[in-house]
Amino acid sequence: MGLHGCGKLIKVTMFISNILILGGGIAVLVVGIWTCVDKGYMEELLGNDMYMSSAYILIAMGCTIIMISFLGCLGALREIKCLLLTYFIILFLIFVILLIGGILGYVFRNKVKDTTSNAMLSSLYQDYDKKVHVQKSWDTLQQQLKCCGIKVDKQTPGYEAWKKTQKYMNDSPPYIPLSCCLTNDNGDFKDKDGCLNSRPSNETVYMNDCYRAAIDFVSDHASILGGVGVGISGLMVVGMIFSCILFKLIE
């Protein structure tokens, strides 16, 4: 016998909440895939695999959320108690994982920043001249985040760090990599010859520090993910509550 009155309203509400959870799962999946495809160079410079690992976790989590939302919709529409119970258990586990992940990320955020700074300096000084993939990662980072080098102290511009690399330590041009040179909106270099053959200046070279730019990028990325995670977590709580109520109402 089907549900009536308030039971039917709860059934419809749970179905709608699962549609929203499905949308959130798709968003998480898309962000994870985008991170893997477009921002893979970050892992090479950040000194740990947390960035790409988080992308893989996002993909797995997105797929799981999509599947569980279908399970919740089916359980609500067909009024199957076994599916509703399974839905509640899996949803609860995902909620706990998201909560623990958020707490750990908050607790260790400063440690990650220190590790990143040391790793970026090490890759620039020791690996840029020797490893092609590190060179490509630095060049991609500088062009996409519009920065140059890394500050070793508050007074010294970031581009000064390139003087300590074997390739650019001689007091003769070029003084910096081409990827440090300013580009216009079309991606063309504003003054390529002036950038490579003259002393760096704010008219030809990016002045931003790449460490700060990378940290800001990751922080902004994490804020977006955090917002999506909070939204999905809220919907999960709603889904768990309505699945319990439906489980009790179904005879």
C-alpha atoms as a PDB file:
ATOM      1  CA  MET A   1       0.000   0.000   0.000  1.00  0.00           C
ATOM      2  CA  GLY A   2       1.441   3.363  -1.037  1.00  0.00           C
ATOM      3  CA  LEU A   3       2.088   6.302   1.259  1.00  0.00           C
ATOM      4  CA  HIS A   4      -0.441   9.083   1.637  1.00  0.00           C
ATOM      5  CA  GLY A   5      -0.565  12.571   3.147  1.00  0.00           C
ATOM      6  CA  CYS A   6       2.611  13.534   5.013  1.00  0.00           C
ATOM      7  CA  GLY A   7       4.267  10.288   3.985  1.00  0.00           C
ATOM      8  CA  LYS A   8       3.867  11.177   0.324  1.00  0.00           C
ATOM      9  CA  LEU A   9       5.218  14.692   0.975  1.00  0.00           C
ATOM     10  CA  ILE A  10       8.304  13.248   2.688  1.00  0.00           C
ATOM     11  CA  LYS A  11       8.754  10.836  -0.218  1.00  0.00           C
ATOM     12  CA  VAL A  12       8.680  13.699  -2.755  1.00  0.00           C
ATOM     13  CA  THR A  13      10.999  15.845  -0.611  1.00  0.00           C
ATOM     14  CA  MET A  14      13.518  13.029  -0.346  1.00  0.00           C
ATOM     15  CA  PHE A  15      13.383  12.520  -4.107  1.00  0.00           C
ATOM     16  CA  ILE A  16      14.044  16.240  -4.718  1.00  0.00           C
ATOM     17  CA  SER A  17      16.918  16.284  -2.199  1.00  0.00           C
ATOM     18  CA  ASN A  18      18.506  13.347  -3.996  1.00  0.00           C
ATOM     19  CA  ILE A  19      18.244  15.166  -7.308  1.00  0.00           C
ATOM     20  CA  LEU A  20      20.163  18.043  -5.687  1.00  0.00           C
ATOM     21  CA  ILE A  21      22.703  15.579  -4.254  1.00  0.00           C
ATOM     22  CA  LEU A  22      23.086  14.160  -7.767  1.00  0.00           C
ATOM     23  CA  GLY A  23      23.859  17.659  -9.076  1.00  0.00           C
ATOM     24  CA  GLY A  24      26.440  18.122  -6.317  1.00  0.00           C
ATOM     25  CA  GLY A  25      28.027  14.769  -7.136  1.00  0.00           C
ATOM     26  CA  ILE A  26      28.320  15.735 -10.802  1.00  0.00           C
ATOM     27  CA  ALA A  27      29.912  19.069  -9.787  1.00  0.00           C
ATOM     28  CA  VAL A  28      32.474  17.286  -7.574  1.00  0.00           C
ATOM     29  CA  LEU A  29      33.253  14.808 -10.368  1.00  0.00           C
ATOM     30  CA  VAL A  30      33.761  17.596 -12.923  1.00  0.00           C
ATOM     31  CA  VAL A  31      36.081  19.546 -10.584  1.00  0.00           C
ATOM     32  CA  GLY A  32      38.131  16.409  -9.914  1.00  0.00           C
ATOM     33  CA  ILE A  33      38.539  15.620 -13.613  1.00  0.00           C
ATOM     34  CA  TRP A  34      39.377  19.266 -14.393  1.00  0.00           C
ATOM     35  CA  THR A  35      42.057  19.262 -11.705  1.00  0.00           C
ATOM     36  CA  CYS A  36      43.666  16.101 -13.091  1.00  0.00           C
ATOM     37  CA  VAL A  37      43.616  17.290 -16.683  1.00  0.00           C
ATOM     38  CA  ASP A  38      44.431  20.984 -16.355  1.00  0.00           C
ATOM     39  CA  LYS A  39      46.437  21.424 -13.132  1.00  0.00           C
ATOM     40  CA  GLY A  40      48.646  18.324 -12.996  1.00  0.00           C
ATOM     41  CA  TYR A  41      51.795  20.476 -13.028  1.00  0.00           C
ATOM     42  CA  MET A  42      50.984  21.611  -9.471  1.00  0.00           C
ATOM     43  CA  GLU A  43      51.880  18.256  -7.949  1.00  0.00           C
ATOM     44  CA  GLU A  44      55.428  18.472  -9.308  1.00  0.00           C
ATOM     45  CA  LEU A  45      56.125  21.709  -7.417  1.00  0.00           C
ATOM     46  CA  LEU A  46      54.064  21.523  -4.227  1.00  0.00           C
ATOM     47  CA  GLY A  47      56.290  18.912  -2.596  1.00  0.00           C
ATOM     48  CA  ASN A  48      53.582  16.345  -1.888  1.00  0.00           C
ATOM     49  CA  ASP A  49      50.913  14.401  -3.702  1.00  0.00           C
ATOM     50  CA  MET A  50      48.033  15.826  -1.684  1.00  0.00           C
ATOM     51  CA  TYR A  51      46.840  18.061  -4.534  1.00  0.00           C
ATOM     52  CA  MET A  52      46.440  15.293  -7.100  1.00  0.00           C
ATOM     53  CA  SER A  53      45.366  12.795  -4.442  1.00  0.00           C
ATOM     54  CA  SER A  54      42.537  15.146  -3.524  1.00  0.00           C
ATOM     55  CA  ALA A  55      41.561  15.242  -7.212  1.00  0.00           C
ATOM     56  CA  TYR A  56      41.397  11.432  -7.356  1.00  0.00           C
ATOM     57  CA  ILE A  57      39.384  11.384  -4.130  1.00  0.00           C
ATOM     58  CA  LEU A  58      37.003  13.946  -5.634  1.00  0.00           C
ATOM     59  CA  ILE A  59      36.475  11.756  -8.698  1.00  0.00           C
ATOM     60  CA  ALA A  60      35.809   8.681  -6.557  1.00  0.00           C
ATOM     61  CA  MET A  61      33.563  10.654  -4.210  1.00  0.00           C
ATOM     62  CA  GLY A  62      31.656  12.215  -7.104  1.00  0.00           C
ATOM     63  CA  CYS A  63      30.983   8.800  -8.666  1.00  0.00           C
ATOM     64  CA  THR A  64      29.889   7.392  -5.300  1.00  0.00           C
ATOM     65  CA  ILE A  65      27.554  10.320  -4.609  1.00  0.00           C
ATOM     66  CA  ILE A  66      25.991   9.983  -8.071  1.00  0.00           C
ATOM     67  CA  MET A  67      25.352   6.268  -7.543  1.00  0.00           C
ATOM     68  CA  ILE A  68      23.993   6.724  -4.020  1.00  0.00           C
ATOM     69  CA  SER A  69      21.633   9.481  -5.178  1.00  0.00           C
ATOM     70  CA  PHE A  70      20.140   7.052  -7.716  1.00  0.00           C
ATOM     71  CA  LEU A  71      19.798   4.506  -4.910  1.00  0.00           C
ATOM     72  CA  GLY A  72      17.972   7.048  -2.756  1.00  0.00           C
ATOM     73  CA  CYS A  73      15.622   8.034  -5.586  1.00  0.00           C
ATOM     74  CA  LEU A  74      14.803   4.406  -6.336  1.00  0.00           C
ATOM     75  CA  GLY A  75      14.286   3.563  -2.671  1.00  0.00           C
ATOM     76  CA  ALA A  76      11.935   6.520  -2.207  1.00  0.00           C
ATOM     77  CA  LEU A  77       9.902   5.989  -5.384  1.00  0.00           C
ATOM     78  CA  ARG A  78       9.562   2.210  -4.989  1.00  0.00           C
ATOM     79  CA  GLU A  79       9.302   2.397  -1.170  1.00  0.00           C
ATOM     80  CA  ILE A  80      11.862  -0.383  -0.690  1.00  0.00           C
ATOM     81  CA  LYS A  81      13.049  -0.538   2.945  1.00  0.00           C
ATOM     82  CA  CYS A  82      16.248  -2.459   2.134  1.00  0.00           C
ATOM     83  CA  LEU A  83      17.377   0.232  -0.328  1.00  0.00           C
ATOM     84  CA  LEU A  84      16.542   3.003   2.126  1.00  0.00           C
ATOM     85  CA  LEU A  85      18.600   1.338   4.866  1.00  0.00           C
ATOM     86  CA  THR A  86      21.552   0.800   2.503  1.00  0.00           C
ATOM     87  CA  TYR A  87      21.204   4.394   1.340  1.00  0.00           C
ATOM     88  CA  PHE A  88      21.296   5.680   4.929  1.00  0.00           C
ATOM     89  CA  ILE A  89      24.396   3.629   5.882  1.00  0.00           C
ATOM     90  CA  ILE A  90      26.426   4.658   2.823  1.00  0.00           C
ATOM     91  CA  LEU A  91      25.352   8.290   3.155  1.00  0.00           C
ATOM     92  CA  PHE A  92      26.355   8.298   6.815  1.00  0.00           C
ATOM     93  CA  LEU A  93      29.813   6.857   5.995  1.00  0.00           C
ATOM     94  CA  ILE A  94      30.388   9.476   3.282  1.00  0.00           C
ATOM     95  CA  PHE A  95      29.320  12.211   5.706  1.00  0.00           C
ATOM     96  CA  VAL A  96      31.810  10.982   8.341  1.00  0.00           C
ATOM     97  CA  ILE A  97      34.625  10.830   5.749  1.00  0.00           C
ATOM     98  CA  LEU A  98      33.896  14.395   4.603  1.00  0.00           C
ATOM     99  CA  LEU A  99      33.851  15.589   8.212  1.00  0.00           C
ATOM    100  CA  ILE A 100      37.172  13.911   9.100  1.00  0.00           C
ATOM    101  CA  GLY A 101      38.779  15.145   5.864  1.00  0.00           C
ATOM    102  CA  GLY A 102      37.684  18.713   6.583  1.00  0.00           C
ATOM    103  CA  ILE A 103      39.033  18.603  10.144  1.00  0.00           C
ATOM    104  CA  LEU A 104      42.400  17.145   9.062  1.00  0.00           C
ATOM    105  CA  GLY A 105      42.720  19.703   6.269  1.00  0.00           C
ATOM    106  CA  TYR A 106      42.119  22.543   8.724  1.00  0.00           C
ATOM    107  CA  VAL A 107      44.532  21.179  11.357  1.00  0.00           C
ATOM    108  CA  PHE A 108      47.438  20.592   8.947  1.00  0.00           C
ATOM    109  CA  ARG A 109      46.960  23.615   6.670  1.00  0.00           C
ATOM    110  CA  ASN A 110      49.995  25.536   8.005  1.00  0.00           C
ATOM    111  CA  LYS A 111      52.261  22.482   7.800  1.00  0.00           C
ATOM    112  CA  VAL A 112      51.326  22.059   4.149  1.00  0.00           C
ATOM    113  CA  LYS A 113      52.273  25.707   3.459  1.00  0.00           C
ATOM    114  CA  ASP A 114      55.745  25.235   5.006  1.00  0.00           C
ATOM    115  CA  THR A 115      56.319  22.018   3.052  1.00  0.00           C
ATOM    116  CA  THR A 116      55.236  23.694  -0.176  1.00  0.00           C
ATOM    117  CA  SER A 117      57.649  26.620   0.253  1.00  0.00           C
ATOM    118  CA  ASN A 118      60.644  24.339   0.846  1.00  0.00           C
ATOM    119  CA  ALA A 119      59.690  22.011  -2.007  1.00  0.00           C
ATOM    120  CA  MET A 120      59.288  24.854  -4.518  1.00  0.00           C
ATOM    121  CA  LEU A 121      62.673  26.320  -3.606  1.00  0.00           C
ATOM    122  CA  SER A 122      64.296  22.894  -3.867  1.00  0.00           C
ATOM    123  CA  SER A 123      62.752  22.162  -7.265  1.00  0.00           C
ATOM    124  CA  LEU A 124      63.809  25.571  -8.592  1.00  0.00           C
ATOM    125  CA  TYR A 125      67.414  25.467  -7.321  1.00  0.00           C
ATOM    126  CA  GLN A 126      68.198  21.772  -7.758  1.00  0.00           C
ATOM    127  CA  ASP A 127      65.904  20.302 -10.414  1.00  0.00           C
ATOM    128  CA  TYR A 128      64.996  23.032 -12.908  1.00  0.00           C
ATOM    129  CA  ASP A 129      68.260  22.687 -14.854  1.00  0.00           C
ATOM    130  CA  LYS A 130      68.328  18.891 -14.702  1.00  0.00           C
ATOM    131  CA  LYS A 131      64.770  17.609 -15.115  1.00  0.00           C
ATOM    132  CA  VAL A 132      62.684  18.505 -18.155  1.00  0.00           C
ATOM    133  CA  HIS A 133      59.351  17.780 -16.440  1.00  0.00           C
ATOM    134  CA  VAL A 134      60.224  20.133 -13.562  1.00  0.00           C
ATOM    135  CA  GLN A 135      61.180  22.842 -16.067  1.00  0.00           C
ATOM    136  CA  LYS A 136      57.872  22.412 -17.879  1.00  0.00           C
ATOM    137  CA  SER A 137      55.980  22.535 -14.579  1.00  0.00           C
ATOM    138  CA  TRP A 138      57.651  25.782 -13.538  1.00  0.00           C
ATOM    139  CA  ASP A 139      57.098  27.367 -16.945  1.00  0.00           C
ATOM    140  CA  THR A 140      53.423  26.366 -16.937  1.00  0.00           C
ATOM    141  CA  LEU A 141      52.972  27.610 -13.374  1.00  0.00           C
ATOM    142  CA  GLN A 142      54.528  30.997 -14.139  1.00  0.00           C
ATOM    143  CA  GLN A 143      52.515  31.546 -17.295  1.00  0.00           C
ATOM    144  CA  GLN A 144      49.157  30.410 -15.919  1.00  0.00           C
ATOM    145  CA  LEU A 145      49.433  32.083 -12.506  1.00  0.00           C
ATOM    146  CA  LYS A 146      51.285  35.128 -13.922  1.00  0.00           C
ATOM    147  CA  CYS A 147      54.195  35.009 -11.487  1.00  0.00           C
ATOM    148  CA  CYS A 148      57.983  34.713 -11.554  1.00  0.00           C
ATOM    149  CA  GLY A 149      60.272  32.810  -9.192  1.00  0.00           C
ATOM    150  CA  ILE A 150      59.832  32.680  -5.447  1.00  0.00           C
ATOM    151  CA  LYS A 151      60.659  35.164  -2.700  1.00  0.00           C
ATOM    152  CA  VAL A 152      63.376  34.073  -0.284  1.00  0.00           C
ATOM    153  CA  ASP A 153      62.649  37.098   1.948  1.00  0.00           C
ATOM    154  CA  LYS A 154      60.194  39.992   2.070  1.00  0.00           C
ATOM    155  CA  GLN A 155      62.489  42.533   0.402  1.00  0.00           C
ATOM    156  CA  THR A 156      63.819  40.460  -2.519  1.00  0.00           C
ATOM    157  CA  PRO A 157      61.610  40.129  -5.645  1.00  0.00           C
ATOM    158  CA  GLY A 158      60.700  36.597  -6.665  1.00  0.00           C
ATOM    159  CA  TYR A 159      62.594  36.743  -9.962  1.00  0.00           C
ATOM    160  CA  GLU A 160      65.880  37.131  -8.026  1.00  0.00           C
ATOM    161  CA  ALA A 161      65.637  33.432  -7.111  1.00  0.00           C
ATOM    162  CA  TRP A 162      66.521  32.519 -10.707  1.00  0.00           C
ATOM    163  CA  LYS A 163      70.030  33.925 -10.177  1.00  0.00           C
ATOM    164  CA  LYS A 164      70.780  30.950  -7.943  1.00  0.00           C
ATOM    165  CA  THR A 165      70.069  28.425 -10.687  1.00  0.00           C
ATOM    166  CA  GLN A 166      72.892  27.196 -12.896  1.00  0.00           C
ATOM    167  CA  LYS A 167      71.196  28.344 -16.081  1.00  0.00           C
ATOM    168  CA  TYR A 168      70.702  31.975 -15.034  1.00  0.00           C
ATOM    169  CA  MET A 169      73.465  32.618 -12.495  1.00  0.00           C
ATOM    170  CA  ASN A 170      75.777  34.318 -15.027  1.00  0.00           C
ATOM    171  CA  ASP A 171      75.502  38.102 -15.078  1.00  0.00           C
ATOM    172  CA  SER A 172      74.446  38.161 -18.713  1.00  0.00           C
ATOM    173  CA  PRO A 173      71.115  37.789 -20.529  1.00  0.00           C
ATOM    174  CA  PRO A 174      68.800  36.014 -20.395  1.00  0.00           C
ATOM    175  CA  TYR A 175      68.311  36.674 -16.674  1.00  0.00           C
ATOM    176  CA  ILE A 176      65.045  34.773 -16.303  1.00  0.00           C
ATOM    177  CA  PRO A 177      63.021  32.100 -18.158  1.00  0.00           C
ATOM    178  CA  LEU A 178      60.752  33.180 -21.000  1.00  0.00           C
ATOM    179  CA  SER A 179      57.758  32.072 -18.928  1.00  0.00           C
ATOM    180  CA  CYS A 180      58.397  35.039 -16.567  1.00  0.00           C
ATOM    181  CA  CYS A 181      57.744  37.550 -19.344  1.00  0.00           C
ATOM    182  CA  LEU A 182      54.508  39.540 -19.354  1.00  0.00           C
ATOM    183  CA  THR A 183      51.834  38.545 -21.861  1.00  0.00           C
ATOM    184  CA  ASN A 184      48.774  40.371 -23.151  1.00  0.00           C
ATOM    185  CA  ASP A 185      45.175  39.144 -23.153  1.00  0.00           C
ATOM    186  CA  ASN A 186      45.819  37.138 -26.325  1.00  0.00           C
ATOM    187  CA  GLY A 187      48.728  35.272 -24.730  1.00  0.00           C
ATOM    188  CA  ASP A 188      51.386  37.061 -26.814  1.00  0.00           C
ATOM    189  CA  PHE A 189      54.499  38.407 -25.102  1.00  0.00           C
ATOM    190  CA  LYS A 190      54.376  42.185 -24.630  1.00  0.00           C
ATOM    191  CA  ASP A 191      58.121  42.729 -25.026  1.00  0.00           C
ATOM    192  CA  LYS A 192      59.939  39.434 -25.449  1.00  0.00           C
ATOM    193  CA  ASP A 193      63.325  40.916 -26.421  1.00  0.00           C
ATOM    194  CA  GLY A 194      63.214  43.517 -23.654  1.00  0.00           C
ATOM    195  CA  CYS A 195      62.233  40.886 -21.115  1.00  0.00           C
ATOM    196  CA  LEU A 196      65.062  38.475 -21.960  1.00  0.00           C
ATOM    197  CA  ASN A 197      67.833  40.924 -22.776  1.00  0.00           C
ATOM    198  CA  SER A 198      67.280  43.633 -20.148  1.00  0.00           C
ATOM    199  CA  ARG A 199      67.244  43.645 -16.369  1.00  0.00           C
ATOM    200  CA  PRO A 200      63.855  42.514 -15.025  1.00  0.00           C
ATOM    201  CA  SER A 201      61.329  45.302 -14.440  1.00  0.00           C
ATOM    202  CA  ASN A 202      57.599  45.493 -13.781  1.00  0.00           C
ATOM    203  CA  GLU A 203      57.093  46.577 -17.419  1.00  0.00           C
ATOM    204  CA  THR A 204      58.383  43.302 -18.840  1.00  0.00           C
ATOM    205  CA  VAL A 205      58.323  40.680 -16.043  1.00  0.00           C
ATOM    206  CA  TYR A 206      55.680  39.294 -13.686  1.00  0.00           C
ATOM    207  CA  MET A 207      56.393  40.641 -10.190  1.00  0.00           C
ATOM    208  CA  ASN A 208      54.149  38.220  -8.308  1.00  0.00           C
ATOM    209  CA  ASP A 209      55.739  35.564  -6.114  1.00  0.00           C
ATOM    210  CA  CYS A 210      54.906  32.055  -7.386  1.00  0.00           C
ATOM    211  CA  TYR A 211      54.702  30.575  -3.893  1.00  0.00           C
ATOM    212  CA  ARG A 212      52.073  33.121  -2.885  1.00  0.00           C
ATOM    213  CA  ALA A 213      50.265  32.680  -6.211  1.00  0.00           C
ATOM    214  CA  ALA A 214      50.236  28.876  -5.838  1.00  0.00           C
ATOM    215  CA  ILE A 215      49.011  29.036  -2.239  1.00  0.00           C
ATOM    216  CA  ASP A 216      46.272  31.508  -3.195  1.00  0.00           C
ATOM    217  CA  PHE A 217      45.218  29.306  -6.106  1.00  0.00           C
ATOM    218  CA  VAL A 218      45.049  26.173  -3.945  1.00  0.00           C
ATOM    219  CA  SER A 219      43.234  28.102  -1.176  1.00  0.00           C
ATOM    220  CA  ASP A 220      40.645  29.462  -3.618  1.00  0.00           C
ATOM    221  CA  HIS A 221      40.269  25.986  -5.079  1.00  0.00           C
ATOM    222  CA  ALA A 222      39.823  24.537  -1.588  1.00  0.00           C
ATOM    223  CA  SER A 223      37.266  27.224  -0.676  1.00  0.00           C
ATOM    224  CA  ILE A 224      35.120  26.294  -3.674  1.00  0.00           C
ATOM    225  CA  LEU A 225      35.389  22.616  -2.815  1.00  0.00           C
ATOM    226  CA  GLY A 226      34.648  23.393   0.813  1.00  0.00           C
ATOM    227  CA  GLY A 227      31.510  25.274  -0.157  1.00  0.00           C
ATOM    228  CA  VAL A 228      30.354  22.412  -2.373  1.00  0.00           C
ATOM    229  CA  GLY A 229      31.215  19.939   0.399  1.00  0.00           C
ATOM    230  CA  VAL A 230      29.210  21.872   2.999  1.00  0.00           C
ATOM    231  CA  GLY A 231      26.236  22.073   0.639  1.00  0.00           C
ATOM    232  CA  ILE A 232      26.356  18.363  -0.144  1.00  0.00           C
ATOM    233  CA  SER A 233      26.797  17.510   3.556  1.00  0.00           C
ATOM    234  CA  GLY A 234      23.683  19.512   4.395  1.00  0.00           C
ATOM    235  CA  LEU A 235      21.700  17.680   1.721  1.00  0.00           C
ATOM    236  CA  MET A 236      23.085  14.375   3.023  1.00  0.00           C
ATOM    237  CA  VAL A 237      21.756  15.144   6.495  1.00  0.00           C
ATOM    238  CA  VAL A 238      18.349  15.903   4.964  1.00  0.00           C
ATOM    239  CA  GLY A 239      18.518  12.672   2.960  1.00  0.00           C
ATOM    240  CA  MET A 240      19.428  10.623   6.029  1.00  0.00           C
ATOM    241  CA  ILE A 241      16.577  12.141   8.080  1.00  0.00           C
ATOM    242  CA  PHE A 242      13.951  11.519   5.400  1.00  0.00           C
ATOM    243  CA  SER A 243      15.243   8.011   4.667  1.00  0.00           C
ATOM    244  CA  CYS A 244      14.788   7.131   8.367  1.00  0.00           C
ATOM    245  CA  ILE A 245      11.278   8.596   8.415  1.00  0.00           C
ATOM    246  CA  LEU A 246      10.322   6.764   5.213  1.00  0.00           C
ATOM    247  CA  PHE A 247      11.809   3.538   6.577  1.00  0.00           C
ATOM    248  CA  LYS A 248       9.521   3.832   9.615  1.00  0.00           C
ATOM    249  CA  LEU A 249       6.439   4.772   7.571  1.00  0.00           C
ATOM    250  CA  ILE A 250       6.708   1.961   5.034  1.00  0.00           C
ATOM    251  CA  GLU A 251       4.831  -1.121   6.229  1.00  0.00           C
END
